[in-house]
């Protein structure tokens, strides 16, 4: 069984979290803008 390189695992997880965060904020921003346009 090959040992997993911890640094690679953490780097991958860190990148995944960043991408998910950016995607979530983009979606939230789009929804927020849509709601603002709907209200006014």
C-alpha atoms as a PDB file:
ATOM      1  CA  UNK A   1       0.000   0.000   0.000  1.00  0.00           C
ATOM      2  CA  UNK A   2       1.433   3.335  -1.056  1.00  0.00           C
ATOM      3  CA  UNK A   3       1.642   6.124   1.486  1.00  0.00           C
ATOM      4  CA  UNK A   4      -0.366   9.202   0.557  1.00  0.00           C
ATOM      5  CA  UNK A   5       1.553  12.478   0.525  1.00  0.00           C
ATOM      6  CA  UNK A   6      -0.149  14.646   3.140  1.00  0.00           C
ATOM      7  CA  UNK A   7       0.972  17.908   1.545  1.00  0.00           C
ATOM      8  CA  UNK A   8      -0.680  16.977  -1.756  1.00  0.00           C
ATOM      9  CA  UNK A   9      -3.879  16.016   0.062  1.00  0.00           C
ATOM     10  CA  UNK A  10      -3.998  19.305   1.962  1.00  0.00           C
ATOM     11  CA  UNK A  11      -3.176  21.309  -1.184  1.00  0.00           C
ATOM     12  CA  UNK A  12      -5.983  19.542  -3.066  1.00  0.00           C
ATOM     13  CA  UNK A  13      -8.485  20.102  -0.239  1.00  0.00           C
ATOM     14  CA  UNK A  14      -7.433  23.765   0.069  1.00  0.00           C
ATOM     15  CA  UNK A  15      -7.898  24.314  -3.663  1.00  0.00           C
ATOM     16  CA  UNK A  16     -11.281  22.561  -3.619  1.00  0.00           C
ATOM     17  CA  UNK A  17     -12.451  24.761  -0.717  1.00  0.00           C
ATOM     18  CA  UNK A  18     -11.326  27.923  -2.538  1.00  0.00           C
ATOM     19  CA  UNK A  19     -13.077  26.925  -5.777  1.00  0.00           C
ATOM     20  CA  UNK A  20     -16.278  25.957  -3.939  1.00  0.00           C
ATOM     21  CA  UNK A  21     -16.179  29.245  -2.029  1.00  0.00           C
ATOM     22  CA  UNK A  22     -15.750  31.272  -5.232  1.00  0.00           C
ATOM     23  CA  UNK A  23     -18.552  29.338  -6.939  1.00  0.00           C
ATOM     24  CA  UNK A  24     -20.883  29.756  -3.954  1.00  0.00           C
ATOM     25  CA  UNK A  25     -20.179  33.505  -3.719  1.00  0.00           C
ATOM     26  CA  UNK A  26     -20.767  33.897  -7.469  1.00  0.00           C
ATOM     27  CA  UNK A  27     -24.121  32.110  -7.194  1.00  0.00           C
ATOM     28  CA  UNK A  28     -25.071  34.101  -4.083  1.00  0.00           C
ATOM     29  CA  UNK A  29     -24.099  37.366  -5.817  1.00  0.00           C
ATOM     30  CA  UNK A  30     -26.192  36.482  -8.872  1.00  0.00           C
ATOM     31  CA  UNK A  31     -29.209  35.589  -6.738  1.00  0.00           C
ATOM     32  CA  UNK A  32     -28.780  38.775  -4.655  1.00  0.00           C
ATOM     33  CA  UNK A  33     -28.553  40.942  -7.792  1.00  0.00           C
ATOM     34  CA  UNK A  34     -31.635  39.221  -9.209  1.00  0.00           C
ATOM     35  CA  UNK A  35     -33.578  39.883  -5.993  1.00  0.00           C
ATOM     36  CA  UNK A  36     -32.452  43.535  -5.946  1.00  0.00           C
ATOM     37  CA  UNK A  37     -33.687  43.974  -9.537  1.00  0.00           C
ATOM     38  CA  UNK A  38     -36.970  42.270  -8.695  1.00  0.00           C
ATOM     39  CA  UNK A  39     -37.659  44.497  -5.675  1.00  0.00           C
ATOM     40  CA  UNK A  40     -36.891  47.816  -7.369  1.00  0.00           C
END
